[in-house]
Amino acid sequence: MEALLKNTETYVFDLLKEKLPKDFIYHTFLHTRRVHESAKEIIEASEISKEDQLIIELSAWFHDTGYINDSKTHEIESCKIASAFLKKHQVDAHIIKAVENCILATKLETAPKNFNEEVIKDADTSHLAKNYFNNVSDLLRQELNIQGIANFTNKEWREENIMLFTKKHKFYTPYAVNNWEKKKINI
């Protein structure tokens, strides 16, 4: 398990370093590593099997790799990248399918269907409750601007974040609800 996770981390680092377009300044390896760290934070506070831990950690590493191919369908592209890598490393098909499901659960509008999906969903949005929120929020805003997706004024960005915090986002796992929700409210 540890060897596979280390190989995965190295693979994802190299993949993003070599193939991620330079106009991605939020969806980078740093974001991926932070999602992985947040997933491990939830894992350590939860009672889950080694297999589920593996699924969650693999999902965290691969969840945004699809940005190298297409930002609009990056979750589907991430599944393809993860699947190819994991098949090459002879990972069982049911684990690969679970990793794909976790990656697909990171879509903002998608509700998670099980605990593993809840963990990766919470980890992917954990920045909303972290002390680095303002910095990463600004990087996301700049990324959207650089890519021509949206150019928010300060007021519009603030309103967008208020909408995200109050209407669009929720934490799912007991750990995130108990530990991150209060912090999110106080950002």
Protein backbone atom coordinates (compact mmCIF):
# COMPACT_ATOMS: atom_id res chain seq x y z
CA MET A 1 0.00 0.00 0.00
CA GLU A 2 2.70 2.50 0.99
CA ALA A 3 4.75 1.79 -2.14
CA LEU A 4 1.71 2.27 -4.38
CA LEU A 5 0.83 5.55 -2.67
CA LYS A 6 4.40 6.85 -2.96
CA ASN A 7 4.52 5.86 -6.65
CA THR A 8 1.18 7.59 -7.15
CA GLU A 9 2.36 10.80 -5.50
CA THR A 10 5.49 10.86 -7.65
CA TYR A 11 3.51 10.09 -10.81
CA VAL A 12 0.96 12.84 -10.14
CA PHE A 13 3.70 15.36 -9.26
CA ASP A 14 5.57 14.62 -12.51
CA LEU A 15 2.37 14.55 -14.57
CA LEU A 16 1.19 17.95 -13.36
CA LYS A 17 4.68 19.46 -13.56
CA GLU A 18 5.10 18.34 -17.17
CA LYS A 19 1.59 18.57 -18.61
CA LEU A 20 -0.54 21.00 -16.61
CA PRO A 21 -0.98 24.24 -18.60
CA LYS A 22 0.72 27.21 -16.94
CA ASP A 23 -2.58 29.10 -16.65
CA PHE A 24 -3.57 26.79 -13.80
CA ILE A 25 -2.40 28.54 -10.65
CA TYR A 26 -4.98 27.15 -8.20
CA HIS A 27 -5.47 23.60 -9.50
CA THR A 28 -1.82 22.64 -9.01
CA PHE A 29 0.12 19.96 -7.19
CA LEU A 30 0.01 22.13 -4.06
CA HIS A 31 -3.81 21.96 -4.10
CA THR A 32 -3.61 18.20 -4.70
CA ARG A 33 -1.21 17.72 -1.79
CA ARG A 34 -3.45 19.79 0.49
CA VAL A 35 -6.47 17.67 -0.49
CA HIS A 36 -4.46 14.54 0.28
CA GLU A 37 -3.39 15.97 3.67
CA SER A 38 -6.99 16.86 4.51
CA ALA A 39 -8.16 13.40 3.46
CA LYS A 40 -5.55 11.85 5.77
CA GLU A 41 -6.72 14.15 8.57
CA ILE A 42 -10.24 12.74 8.21
CA ILE A 43 -8.95 9.17 7.84
CA GLU A 44 -6.93 9.41 11.05
CA ALA A 45 -10.01 10.59 12.94
CA SER A 46 -12.22 7.83 11.52
CA GLU A 47 -12.42 4.08 11.82
CA ILE A 48 -12.03 2.75 8.30
CA SER A 49 -10.41 -0.24 6.67
CA LYS A 50 -6.98 -0.18 5.03
CA GLU A 51 -8.70 -0.72 1.69
CA ASP A 52 -10.94 2.32 2.16
CA GLN A 53 -7.94 4.36 3.25
CA LEU A 54 -6.16 3.33 0.05
CA ILE A 55 -9.19 4.25 -2.09
CA ILE A 56 -9.46 7.68 -0.47
CA GLU A 57 -5.76 8.46 -0.72
CA LEU A 58 -5.56 7.37 -4.36
CA SER A 59 -8.64 9.47 -5.12
CA ALA A 60 -7.07 12.50 -3.46
CA TRP A 61 -3.91 12.18 -5.54
CA PHE A 62 -5.75 11.71 -8.84
CA HIS A 63 -8.84 13.89 -8.38
CA ASP A 64 -7.67 16.86 -10.50
CA THR A 65 -5.17 15.24 -12.86
CA GLY A 66 -7.73 15.50 -15.66
CA TYR A 67 -7.06 19.23 -15.89
CA ILE A 68 -4.12 18.30 -18.11
CA ASN A 69 -6.65 17.27 -20.79
CA ASP A 70 -9.87 19.24 -20.31
CA SER A 71 -10.98 21.57 -17.53
CA LYS A 72 -14.70 21.15 -18.30
CA THR A 73 -14.65 17.36 -17.95
CA HIS A 74 -11.62 17.06 -15.70
CA GLU A 75 -13.31 14.60 -13.32
CA ILE A 76 -13.95 12.13 -16.16
CA GLU A 77 -10.42 12.69 -17.48
CA SER A 78 -9.04 12.18 -13.96
CA CYS A 79 -10.84 8.83 -13.80
CA LYS A 80 -9.23 7.75 -17.07
CA ILE A 81 -5.76 8.75 -15.86
CA ALA A 82 -6.25 7.03 -12.50
CA SER A 83 -7.66 3.89 -14.08
CA ALA A 84 -4.78 3.54 -16.55
CA PHE A 85 -2.16 4.05 -13.83
CA LEU A 86 -3.83 1.69 -11.38
CA LYS A 87 -4.37 -1.05 -13.99
CA LYS A 88 -0.68 -0.78 -14.88
CA HIS A 89 0.09 -1.32 -11.18
CA GLN A 90 -2.27 -4.33 -11.05
CA VAL A 91 -4.75 -2.79 -8.61
CA ASP A 92 -8.01 -4.76 -8.23
CA ALA A 93 -10.85 -3.63 -10.47
CA HIS A 94 -13.23 -2.96 -7.54
CA ILE A 95 -10.70 -0.55 -6.00
CA ILE A 96 -10.26 1.24 -9.33
CA LYS A 97 -14.04 1.61 -9.65
CA ALA A 98 -14.27 2.98 -6.10
CA VAL A 99 -11.49 5.49 -6.85
CA GLU A 100 -13.36 6.61 -9.98
CA ASN A 101 -16.58 7.05 -7.98
CA CYS A 102 -14.75 9.15 -5.39
CA ILE A 103 -13.24 11.35 -8.09
CA LEU A 104 -16.65 11.86 -9.71
CA ALA A 105 -18.06 12.81 -6.28
CA THR A 106 -15.78 15.89 -6.23
CA LYS A 107 -18.05 17.68 -8.71
CA LEU A 108 -19.50 20.64 -6.82
CA GLU A 109 -23.11 19.70 -7.60
CA THR A 110 -22.70 15.96 -6.87
CA ALA A 111 -23.82 14.50 -3.55
CA PRO A 112 -21.57 11.73 -2.20
CA LYS A 113 -23.11 8.24 -1.98
CA ASN A 114 -20.90 6.69 0.72
CA PHE A 115 -18.34 7.53 3.38
CA ASN A 116 -15.32 7.35 1.06
CA GLU A 117 -16.96 9.81 -1.32
CA GLU A 118 -17.83 12.06 1.63
CA VAL A 119 -14.20 12.07 2.75
CA ILE A 120 -12.82 13.08 -0.65
CA LYS A 121 -15.58 15.65 -1.13
CA ASP A 122 -14.79 17.22 2.25
CA ALA A 123 -11.05 17.07 1.65
CA ASP A 124 -11.43 18.80 -1.73
CA THR A 125 -13.26 21.72 -0.11
CA SER A 126 -11.35 21.74 3.17
CA HIS A 127 -9.63 24.98 2.14
CA LEU A 128 -12.89 26.72 3.05
CA ALA A 129 -11.98 26.13 6.71
CA LYS A 130 -8.21 26.49 6.56
CA ASN A 131 -6.10 29.48 7.48
CA TYR A 132 -4.84 29.69 3.88
CA PHE A 133 -8.39 30.22 2.49
CA ASN A 134 -7.89 33.85 1.46
CA ASN A 135 -4.70 33.03 -0.46
CA VAL A 136 -6.14 30.05 -2.35
CA SER A 137 -9.43 31.82 -2.97
CA ASP A 138 -7.49 34.62 -4.65
CA LEU A 139 -5.55 32.07 -6.73
CA LEU A 140 -8.81 30.52 -7.90
CA ARG A 141 -10.17 33.94 -8.82
CA GLN A 142 -6.98 34.71 -10.77
CA GLU A 143 -7.08 31.32 -12.49
CA LEU A 144 -10.63 31.94 -13.67
CA ASN A 145 -9.59 35.37 -14.96
CA ILE A 146 -6.41 34.17 -16.71
CA GLN A 147 -8.36 31.42 -18.46
CA GLY A 148 -11.08 33.84 -19.58
CA ILE A 149 -13.76 31.97 -17.64
CA ALA A 150 -14.80 34.83 -15.35
CA ASN A 151 -13.45 38.20 -14.26
CA PHE A 152 -14.96 38.97 -10.86
CA THR A 153 -14.76 42.37 -9.22
CA ASN A 154 -13.88 42.36 -5.51
CA LYS A 155 -17.58 42.78 -4.66
CA GLU A 156 -18.69 40.03 -7.06
CA TRP A 157 -16.05 37.62 -5.72
CA ARG A 158 -17.11 38.32 -2.14
CA GLU A 159 -20.77 37.69 -3.12
CA GLU A 160 -19.78 34.50 -4.95
CA ASN A 161 -17.96 33.24 -1.85
CA ILE A 162 -20.86 34.17 0.41
CA MET A 163 -23.16 32.15 -1.87
CA LEU A 164 -20.71 29.24 -1.79
CA PHE A 165 -20.43 29.29 2.00
CA THR A 166 -24.14 29.72 2.72
CA LYS A 167 -26.00 27.96 -0.12
CA LYS A 168 -23.79 25.73 -2.26
CA HIS A 169 -21.38 24.03 0.12
CA LYS A 170 -21.71 21.63 3.01
CA PHE A 171 -19.40 19.25 4.81
CA TYR A 172 -20.47 15.61 5.07
CA THR A 173 -18.19 13.60 7.35
CA PRO A 174 -18.64 13.89 11.12
CA TYR A 175 -15.02 15.01 11.41
CA ALA A 176 -15.44 17.87 8.92
CA VAL A 177 -18.77 18.94 10.37
CA ASN A 178 -17.37 18.99 13.91
CA ASN A 179 -13.97 20.49 13.12
CA TRP A 180 -14.19 22.51 9.92
CA GLU A 181 -17.73 23.89 9.81
CA LYS A 182 -17.10 26.32 12.69
CA LYS A 183 -13.85 27.46 11.09
CA LYS A 184 -15.60 27.93 7.74
CA ILE A 185 -18.17 30.19 9.38
CA ASN A 186 -15.41 32.28 10.99
CA ILE A 187 -13.27 32.80 7.86
